[in-house]
C-alpha atoms as a PDB file:
ATOM      1  CA  MET A   1      13.890   0.902  18.943  1.00  0.00           C
ATOM      2  CA  LYS A   2      12.194  -1.115  16.078  1.00  0.00           C
ATOM      3  CA  ILE A   3       8.717   0.032  16.864  1.00  0.00           C
ATOM      4  CA  LEU A   4      10.055   3.826  16.763  1.00  0.00           C
ATOM      5  CA  LEU A   5      11.585   2.929  13.341  1.00  0.00           C
ATOM      6  CA  PHE A   6       8.207   1.816  12.059  1.00  0.00           C
ATOM      7  CA  ILE A   7       6.400   5.154  13.571  1.00  0.00           C
ATOM      8  CA  ILE A   8       9.117   7.030  11.895  1.00  0.00           C
ATOM      9  CA  ILE A   9       8.618   5.228   8.557  1.00  0.00           C
ATOM     10  CA  LEU A  10       4.773   5.671   8.676  1.00  0.00           C
ATOM     11  CA  SER A  11       5.226   9.399   9.336  1.00  0.00           C
ATOM     12  CA  ILE A  12       7.665   9.647   6.447  1.00  0.00           C
ATOM     13  CA  THR A  13       5.588   7.937   4.100  1.00  0.00           C
ATOM     14  CA  ASN A  14       2.993  10.571   2.390  1.00  0.00           C
ATOM     15  CA  TYR A  15      -0.464   9.314   1.675  1.00  0.00           C
ATOM     16  CA  SER A  16      -2.167  11.791  -0.944  1.00  0.00           C
ATOM     17  CA  TYR A  17      -3.972  12.260  -4.063  1.00  0.00           C
ATOM     18  CA  SER A  18      -4.429  15.407  -6.255  1.00  0.00           C
ATOM     19  CA  ILE A  19      -5.980  14.230  -9.893  1.00  0.00           C
ATOM     20  CA  GLU A  20      -9.573  14.090  -9.753  1.00  0.00           C
ATOM     21  CA  PRO A  21     -11.179  10.745 -11.503  1.00  0.00           C
ATOM     22  CA  LYS A  22     -14.186  11.714 -13.692  1.00  0.00           C
ATOM     23  CA  SER A  23     -17.029   9.342 -12.910  1.00  0.00           C
ATOM     24  CA  ASN A  24     -19.272   7.760 -15.290  1.00  0.00           C
ATOM     25  CA  THR A  25     -22.530   8.040 -13.003  1.00  0.00           C
ATOM     26  CA  SER A  26     -23.910  10.459 -10.678  1.00  0.00           C
ATOM     27  CA  ASN A  27     -24.293   7.680  -8.055  1.00  0.00           C
ATOM     28  CA  ASN A  28     -21.879   7.774  -4.980  1.00  0.00           C
ATOM     29  CA  LEU A  29     -21.116   4.284  -4.779  1.00  0.00           C
ATOM     30  CA  ASN A  30     -18.808   5.076  -1.961  1.00  0.00           C
ATOM     31  CA  ASN A  31     -21.902   5.529   0.372  1.00  0.00           C
ATOM     32  CA  LEU A  32     -22.673   1.530  -0.077  1.00  0.00           C
ATOM     33  CA  PHE A  33     -20.060   1.059   2.923  1.00  0.00           C
ATOM     34  CA  TYR A  34     -17.769   2.702   5.382  1.00  0.00           C
ATOM     35  CA  ILE A  35     -14.241   1.774   6.271  1.00  0.00           C
ATOM     36  CA  GLU A  36     -14.007  -0.112   9.634  1.00  0.00           C
ATOM     37  CA  GLU A  37     -10.485  -0.846  11.155  1.00  0.00           C
ATOM     38  CA  LYS A  38      -9.598  -4.103  12.059  1.00  0.00           C
ATOM     39  CA  ILE A  39      -6.713  -5.059  14.437  1.00  0.00           C
ATOM     40  CA  ILE A  40      -4.595  -8.159  15.353  1.00  0.00           C
ATOM     41  CA  ASP A  41      -2.937  -7.400  18.556  1.00  0.00           C
ATOM     42  CA  GLU A  42      -0.758 -10.338  20.088  1.00  0.00           C
ATOM     43  CA  ASP A  43       2.164 -10.499  22.301  1.00  0.00           C
ATOM     44  CA  LYS A  44       4.146 -13.601  22.827  1.00  0.00           C
ATOM     45  CA  ASP A  45       7.502 -14.989  23.908  1.00  0.00           C
ATOM     46  CA  PHE A  46       8.925 -15.167  20.246  1.00  0.00           C
ATOM     47  CA  PHE A  47       6.363 -13.259  18.330  1.00  0.00           C
ATOM     48  CA  LYS A  48       4.444  -9.751  18.564  1.00  0.00           C
ATOM     49  CA  SER A  49       1.935  -8.277  16.138  1.00  0.00           C
ATOM     50  CA  TYR A  50      -0.061  -4.579  15.907  1.00  0.00           C
ATOM     51  CA  ILE A  51      -1.872  -5.266  12.574  1.00  0.00           C
ATOM     52  CA  LYS A  52      -4.492  -2.725  11.435  1.00  0.00           C
ATOM     53  CA  TYR A  53      -5.950  -3.642   8.201  1.00  0.00           C
ATOM     54  CA  PRO A  54      -9.456  -2.200   6.497  1.00  0.00           C
ATOM     55  CA  PHE A  55     -12.557  -3.818   6.197  1.00  0.00           C
ATOM     56  CA  LEU A  56     -15.491  -2.541   4.260  1.00  0.00           C
ATOM     57  CA  ASN A  57     -18.528  -2.868   6.509  1.00  0.00           C
ATOM     58  CA  ILE A  58     -21.286  -2.776   3.748  1.00  0.00           C
ATOM     59  CA  ASP A  59     -24.677  -1.197   4.291  1.00  0.00           C
ATOM     60  CA  LYS A  60     -26.869  -3.668   2.823  1.00  0.00           C
ATOM     61  CA  GLU A  61     -29.947  -1.360   2.641  1.00  0.00           C
ATOM     62  CA  ILE A  62     -28.062   1.065   0.639  1.00  0.00           C
ATOM     63  CA  VAL A  63     -26.730  -1.899  -1.734  1.00  0.00           C
ATOM     64  CA  ILE A  64     -30.484  -2.772  -2.164  1.00  0.00           C
ATOM     65  CA  LYS A  65     -31.641   0.449  -2.946  1.00  0.00           C
ATOM     66  CA  GLU A  66     -28.695   0.940  -5.524  1.00  0.00           C
ATOM     67  CA  ASN A  67     -29.258  -2.216  -7.003  1.00  0.00           C
ATOM     68  CA  TYR A  68     -25.709  -3.062  -6.444  1.00  0.00           C
ATOM     69  CA  ASP A  69     -24.241  -6.497  -6.576  1.00  0.00           C
ATOM     70  CA  SER A  70     -22.358  -6.327  -3.322  1.00  0.00           C
ATOM     71  CA  LYS A  71     -20.117  -9.368  -4.323  1.00  0.00           C
ATOM     72  CA  PHE A  72     -17.679  -6.906  -5.581  1.00  0.00           C
ATOM     73  CA  LEU A  73     -17.148  -5.138  -2.251  1.00  0.00           C
ATOM     74  CA  GLU A  74     -17.013  -8.606  -0.514  1.00  0.00           C
ATOM     75  CA  ASP A  75     -14.233  -9.575  -2.934  1.00  0.00           C
ATOM     76  CA  ILE A  76     -12.140  -6.329  -2.103  1.00  0.00           C
ATOM     77  CA  ASN A  77     -12.504  -7.602   1.741  1.00  0.00           C
ATOM     78  CA  ASN A  78     -11.126 -11.010   0.685  1.00  0.00           C
ATOM     79  CA  ASP A  79      -8.366  -9.564  -1.142  1.00  0.00           C
ATOM     80  CA  ILE A  80      -7.267  -7.440   1.783  1.00  0.00           C
ATOM     81  CA  PHE A  81      -7.946  -9.991   4.255  1.00  0.00           C
ATOM     82  CA  ASN A  82      -5.656 -12.745   2.127  1.00  0.00           C
ATOM     83  CA  TYR A  83      -2.941 -10.313   1.877  1.00  0.00           C
ATOM     84  CA  ILE A  84      -2.677  -9.287   5.567  1.00  0.00           C
ATOM     85  CA  TYR A  85      -3.060 -12.901   6.828  1.00  0.00           C
ATOM     86  CA  SER A  86      -0.688 -13.915   4.348  1.00  0.00           C
ATOM     87  CA  PHE A  87       1.831 -11.412   5.896  1.00  0.00           C
ATOM     88  CA  TYR A  88       0.630 -12.242   9.256  1.00  0.00           C
ATOM     89  CA  ASN A  89       0.997 -16.031   8.689  1.00  0.00           C
ATOM     90  CA  GLU A  90       4.489 -15.809   7.239  1.00  0.00           C
ATOM     91  CA  ILE A  91       6.155 -13.972  10.068  1.00  0.00           C
ATOM     92  CA  LEU A  92       4.378 -15.974  12.794  1.00  0.00           C
ATOM     93  CA  SER A  93       5.800 -19.120  10.928  1.00  0.00           C
ATOM     94  CA  MET A  94       9.048 -17.810  10.740  1.00  0.00           C
ATOM     95  CA  SER A  95       9.094 -17.239  14.443  1.00  0.00           C
ATOM     96  CA  ASN A  96       7.813 -20.512  15.300  1.00  0.00           C
ATOM     97  CA  GLN A  97      10.801 -21.827  13.520  1.00  0.00           C
ATOM     98  CA  TYR A  98      12.907 -19.732  15.525  1.00  0.00           C
ATOM     99  CA  LYS A  99      11.593 -20.634  18.582  1.00  0.00           C
ATOM    100  CA  ILE A 100      12.286 -24.293  17.869  1.00  0.00           C
ATOM    101  CA  ASP A 101      15.991 -23.475  16.839  1.00  0.00           C
ATOM    102  CA  TYR A 102      16.484 -21.095  19.814  1.00  0.00           C
ATOM    103  CA  LYS A 103      15.214 -24.105  22.393  1.00  0.00           C
ATOM    104  CA  ASN A 104      17.913 -26.492  20.765  1.00  0.00           C
ATOM    105  CA  GLN A 105      20.718 -23.627  21.030  1.00  0.00           C
ATOM    106  CA  LYS A 106      23.271 -24.217  23.678  1.00  0.00           C
ATOM    107  CA  ASP A 107      24.148 -20.898  23.724  1.00  0.00           C
ATOM    108  CA  LYS A 108      21.077 -18.850  24.622  1.00  0.00           C
ATOM    109  CA  THR A 109      22.532 -15.315  25.160  1.00  0.00           C
ATOM    110  CA  ILE A 110      20.592 -13.811  22.297  1.00  0.00           C
ATOM    111  CA  LYS A 111      16.787 -14.204  21.842  1.00  0.00           C
ATOM    112  CA  TYR A 112      15.018 -12.128  19.528  1.00  0.00           C
ATOM    113  CA  LYS A 113      11.147 -11.483  19.220  1.00  0.00           C
ATOM    114  CA  PHE A 114       9.866 -11.700  15.508  1.00  0.00           C
ATOM    115  CA  GLU A 115       7.398  -8.467  14.748  1.00  0.00           C
ATOM    116  CA  ALA A 116       4.735  -7.994  12.462  1.00  0.00           C
ATOM    117  CA  TYR A 117       3.024  -4.550  12.051  1.00  0.00           C
ATOM    118  CA  SER A 118       0.865  -2.884   9.509  1.00  0.00           C
ATOM    119  CA  LYS A 119      -1.183   0.514   9.132  1.00  0.00           C
ATOM    120  CA  PHE A 120      -3.501   1.596   6.270  1.00  0.00           C
ATOM    121  CA  ASN A 121      -4.748   5.204   5.117  1.00  0.00           C
ATOM    122  CA  THR A 122      -7.823   5.514   3.073  1.00  0.00           C
ATOM    123  CA  THR A 123      -6.258   8.099   0.977  1.00  0.00           C
ATOM    124  CA  TYR A 124      -9.185   8.222  -1.738  1.00  0.00           C
ATOM    125  CA  ASN A 125     -12.948   7.277  -1.231  1.00  0.00           C
ATOM    126  CA  LYS A 126     -15.098   9.272  -3.369  1.00  0.00           C
ATOM    127  CA  ASN A 127     -16.154   9.486  -7.234  1.00  0.00           C
ATOM    128  CA  ASN A 128     -16.617   5.656  -7.260  1.00  0.00           C
ATOM    129  CA  ILE A 129     -13.177   5.172  -6.748  1.00  0.00           C
ATOM    130  CA  LEU A 130     -11.392   3.534  -3.670  1.00  0.00           C
ATOM    131  CA  SER A 131      -7.561   3.632  -2.833  1.00  0.00           C
ATOM    132  CA  ILE A 132      -6.310   2.551   0.070  1.00  0.00           C
ATOM    133  CA  PRO A 133      -2.498   1.754   0.656  1.00  0.00           C
ATOM    134  CA  ILE A 134      -1.322  -0.497   3.492  1.00  0.00           C
ATOM    135  CA  LEU A 135       2.325  -0.293   5.008  1.00  0.00           C
ATOM    136  CA  THR A 136       3.651  -3.401   6.684  1.00  0.00           C
ATOM    137  CA  TYR A 137       6.718  -3.725   8.935  1.00  0.00           C
ATOM    138  CA  SER A 138       8.329  -6.740   9.886  1.00  0.00           C
ATOM    139  CA  PHE A 139      11.610  -7.532  12.081  1.00  0.00           C
ATOM    140  CA  THR A 140      12.819 -11.187  11.644  1.00  0.00           C
ATOM    141  CA  ASP A 141      16.149 -11.005  13.309  1.00  0.00           C
ATOM    142  CA  GLY A 142      19.043  -8.885  11.446  1.00  0.00           C
ATOM    143  CA  ALA A 143      20.159  -5.262  11.535  1.00  0.00           C
ATOM    144  CA  HIS A 144      16.668  -3.876  10.861  1.00  0.00           C
ATOM    145  CA  GLY A 145      13.125  -4.468   9.899  1.00  0.00           C
ATOM    146  CA  ASN A 146      11.622  -4.451   6.445  1.00  0.00           C
ATOM    147  CA  SER A 147       8.818  -2.228   5.180  1.00  0.00           C
ATOM    148  CA  TYR A 148       6.737  -2.772   2.357  1.00  0.00           C
ATOM    149  CA  LEU A 149       4.038  -0.909   0.582  1.00  0.00           C
ATOM    150  CA  LYS A 150       0.766  -2.633  -1.337  1.00  0.00           C
ATOM    151  CA  SER A 151      -2.035  -0.449  -2.655  1.00  0.00           C
ATOM    152  CA  PHE A 152      -5.754  -1.496  -3.048  1.00  0.00           C
ATOM    153  CA  ASN A 153      -7.273   0.627  -5.850  1.00  0.00           C
ATOM    154  CA  TYR A 154     -10.589  -0.148  -7.238  1.00  0.00           C
ATOM    155  CA  ASP A 155     -13.092   1.331  -9.563  1.00  0.00           C
ATOM    156  CA  LEU A 156     -16.605   0.629  -8.057  1.00  0.00           C
ATOM    157  CA  TYR A 157     -18.541   1.605 -10.997  1.00  0.00           C
ATOM    158  CA  ASN A 158     -16.930  -0.721 -13.286  1.00  0.00           C
ATOM    159  CA  LYS A 159     -16.192  -3.270 -10.429  1.00  0.00           C
ATOM    160  CA  LYS A 160     -12.586  -3.957 -11.372  1.00  0.00           C
ATOM    161  CA  GLU A 161      -9.066  -3.519  -9.813  1.00  0.00           C
ATOM    162  CA  LEU A 162      -7.541  -0.167 -10.925  1.00  0.00           C
ATOM    163  CA  LYS A 163      -4.310  -0.358 -12.806  1.00  0.00           C
ATOM    164  CA  LEU A 164      -2.105   2.729 -13.502  1.00  0.00           C
ATOM    165  CA  CYS A 165      -2.769   2.489 -17.109  1.00  0.00           C
ATOM    166  CA  ASP A 166      -6.426   2.915 -16.300  1.00  0.00           C
ATOM    167  CA  LEU A 167      -5.755   6.395 -15.048  1.00  0.00           C
ATOM    168  CA  PHE A 168      -4.492   7.644 -18.414  1.00  0.00           C
ATOM    169  CA  LYS A 169      -5.874   8.432 -21.800  1.00  0.00           C
ATOM    170  CA  ASP A 170      -5.512   5.742 -24.436  1.00  0.00           C
ATOM    171  CA  ASN A 171      -3.103   7.886 -26.727  1.00  0.00           C
ATOM    172  CA  ILE A 172      -0.685   8.601 -23.628  1.00  0.00           C
ATOM    173  CA  ASP A 173       2.300   6.437 -23.430  1.00  0.00           C
ATOM    174  CA  TYR A 174       1.998   6.409 -19.575  1.00  0.00           C
ATOM    175  CA  LYS A 175       5.044   4.449 -18.738  1.00  0.00           C
ATOM    176  CA  LYS A 176       7.306   6.986 -21.184  1.00  0.00           C
ATOM    177  CA  LEU A 177       5.343  10.128 -19.024  1.00  0.00           C
ATOM    178  CA  ILE A 178       5.992   8.849 -15.567  1.00  0.00           C
ATOM    179  CA  GLN A 179       9.566   7.669 -16.427  1.00  0.00           C
ATOM    180  CA  LYS A 180      10.438  11.006 -17.661  1.00  0.00           C
ATOM    181  CA  PHE A 181       8.854  12.654 -14.594  1.00  0.00           C
ATOM    182  CA  ILE A 182      10.873  10.408 -12.137  1.00  0.00           C
ATOM    183  CA  LYS A 183      14.127  10.756 -13.820  1.00  0.00           C
ATOM    184  CA  ASP A 184      13.734  14.407 -13.680  1.00  0.00           C
ATOM    185  CA  GLU A 185      12.963  14.420 -10.198  1.00  0.00           C
ATOM    186  CA  ILE A 186      16.173  12.161  -9.492  1.00  0.00           C
ATOM    187  CA  ARG A 187      18.269  14.552 -11.161  1.00  0.00           C
ATOM    188  CA  LYS A 188      17.170  17.082  -8.311  1.00  0.00           C
ATOM    189  CA  ASN A 189      18.884  15.001  -5.899  1.00  0.00           C
ATOM    190  CA  PRO A 190      20.991  12.245  -7.881  1.00  0.00           C
ATOM    191  CA  SER A 191      22.993  11.214  -4.401  1.00  0.00           C
ATOM    192  CA  ASN A 192      19.749  10.048  -2.904  1.00  0.00           C
ATOM    193  CA  TYR A 193      19.499   7.298  -5.771  1.00  0.00           C
ATOM    194  CA  PHE A 194      21.319   4.536  -7.258  1.00  0.00           C
ATOM    195  CA  SER A 195      20.755   5.704 -11.048  1.00  0.00           C
ATOM    196  CA  GLU A 196      18.018   7.096 -12.992  1.00  0.00           C
ATOM    197  CA  LYS A 197      18.544   4.427 -15.325  1.00  0.00           C
ATOM    198  CA  ASP A 198      17.830   1.767 -12.789  1.00  0.00           C
ATOM    199  CA  PHE A 199      14.451   1.702 -12.841  1.00  0.00           C
ATOM    200  CA  LYS A 200      11.379   0.982 -15.297  1.00  0.00           C
ATOM    201  CA  ILE A 201       7.523   1.540 -14.922  1.00  0.00           C
ATOM    202  CA  THR A 202       5.924  -1.995 -15.221  1.00  0.00           C
ATOM    203  CA  ASP A 203       2.089  -2.808 -15.949  1.00  0.00           C
ATOM    204  CA  LYS A 204       2.031  -3.798 -12.335  1.00  0.00           C
ATOM    205  CA  GLN A 205       3.615  -0.613 -10.819  1.00  0.00           C
ATOM    206  CA  GLY A 206       2.465   0.419  -7.136  1.00  0.00           C
ATOM    207  CA  PHE A 207       0.439   3.681  -6.836  1.00  0.00           C
ATOM    208  CA  TYR A 208      -2.238   5.109  -5.236  1.00  0.00           C
ATOM    209  CA  ILE A 209      -4.593   8.100  -5.400  1.00  0.00           C
ATOM    210  CA  ASP A 210      -5.178  10.800  -3.103  1.00  0.00           C
ATOM    211  CA  GLU A 211      -6.630  14.325  -3.366  1.00  0.00           C
ATOM    212  CA  GLU A 212      -3.876  15.931  -4.832  1.00  0.00           C
ATOM    213  CA  GLY A 213      -2.902  13.165  -7.233  1.00  0.00           C
ATOM    214  CA  ILE A 214      -1.214   9.704  -8.036  1.00  0.00           C
ATOM    215  CA  SER A 215       2.021   8.690  -5.990  1.00  0.00           C
ATOM    216  CA  VAL A 216       4.155   6.121  -7.580  1.00  0.00           C
ATOM    217  CA  TYR A 217       6.089   4.238  -5.321  1.00  0.00           C
ATOM    218  CA  PHE A 218       9.279   2.037  -5.272  1.00  0.00           C
ATOM    219  CA  GLN A 219      10.067  -0.478  -2.382  1.00  0.00           C
ATOM    220  CA  THR A 220      12.977  -0.106  -0.084  1.00  0.00           C
ATOM    221  CA  TYR A 221      16.318  -0.636  -1.892  1.00  0.00           C
ATOM    222  CA  ASP A 222      14.462  -0.809  -5.408  1.00  0.00           C
ATOM    223  CA  ILE A 223      15.956   2.426  -6.623  1.00  0.00           C
ATOM    224  CA  ALA A 224      17.626   4.003  -3.452  1.00  0.00           C
ATOM    225  CA  PRO A 225      19.504   2.938  -0.173  1.00  0.00           C
ATOM    226  CA  TYR A 226      17.872   1.571   2.833  1.00  0.00           C
ATOM    227  CA  TYR A 227      17.797   4.956   4.688  1.00  0.00           C
ATOM    228  CA  MET A 228      15.486   6.285   1.882  1.00  0.00           C
ATOM    229  CA  GLY A 229      13.079   3.816   2.608  1.00  0.00           C
ATOM    230  CA  ILE A 230      10.041   3.738   0.417  1.00  0.00           C
ATOM    231  CA  VAL A 231      10.223   6.469  -2.099  1.00  0.00           C
ATOM    232  CA  GLU A 232       7.340   8.081  -3.846  1.00  0.00           C
ATOM    233  CA  PHE A 233       6.875  10.427  -6.724  1.00  0.00           C
ATOM    234  CA  LYS A 234       3.508  12.265  -6.968  1.00  0.00           C
ATOM    235  CA  LEU A 235       2.143  13.244 -10.502  1.00  0.00           C
ATOM    236  CA  LEU A 236      -0.261  16.245  -9.334  1.00  0.00           C
ATOM    237  CA  PHE A 237      -3.595  16.133 -11.008  1.00  0.00           C
ATOM    238  CA  ASP A 238      -3.137  20.096 -11.678  1.00  0.00           C
ATOM    239  CA  GLU A 239       0.088  19.110 -13.457  1.00  0.00           C
ATOM    240  CA  PHE A 240      -0.939  16.020 -15.514  1.00  0.00           C
ATOM    241  CA  ASP A 241      -4.483  16.576 -15.976  1.00  0.00           C
ATOM    242  CA  TYR A 242      -4.202  16.822 -19.886  1.00  0.00           C
ATOM    243  CA  ALA A 243      -2.795  13.037 -19.796  1.00  0.00           C
ATOM    244  CA  LEU A 244      -5.727  11.527 -17.452  1.00  0.00           C
ATOM    245  CA  LYS A 245      -9.019  10.174 -18.208  1.00  0.00           C
END
């Protein structure tokens, strides 16, 4: 049942991107690597994991030809690896403690298996831009599991992690623009949300890019009840091109 819930969450979460970033170079730095899928697959008495995460398999010959410092690509791999293993180790540590507590219990009628899953999607990988949202799901005892979405967005040309503000023109108040857009969307189905006043766009706002636009997302319970899951709002490139770099 918990695995089914995770699959349903994955199918509901819509990964896509519509505003086309403008590139400062004719070189396609996205050809420096291909995305390889890594898997952590474990099944023990008190712990189960099936974690998929991306790895940038760097083509050293092309890197040398393009005279590109591959350290930035290696840093991206380290960022993702550290994030995934932090998640994995957190759930594993909790399961190990539960295992100790369970063995010390006199009444052993209920036994839980802690679970850790993840799935990723490379939603944008061209024009020197890379965007990879990773969805994690964990079950650590209780009524239901927890999902969390984190995106890894990078400007390969300028060798930096992309923030939401980097996508908008300097004269645009992007926070105000996005908040108005989301409030208008919430008003269409207000019963699905806590309140249109219960959120703010922050400097660390989660987002990812796909072929259609920029998806701004909120974690479970941030602005809506649990049944709504991770809530996303997409700013289509065709509609917001005037505000984008």
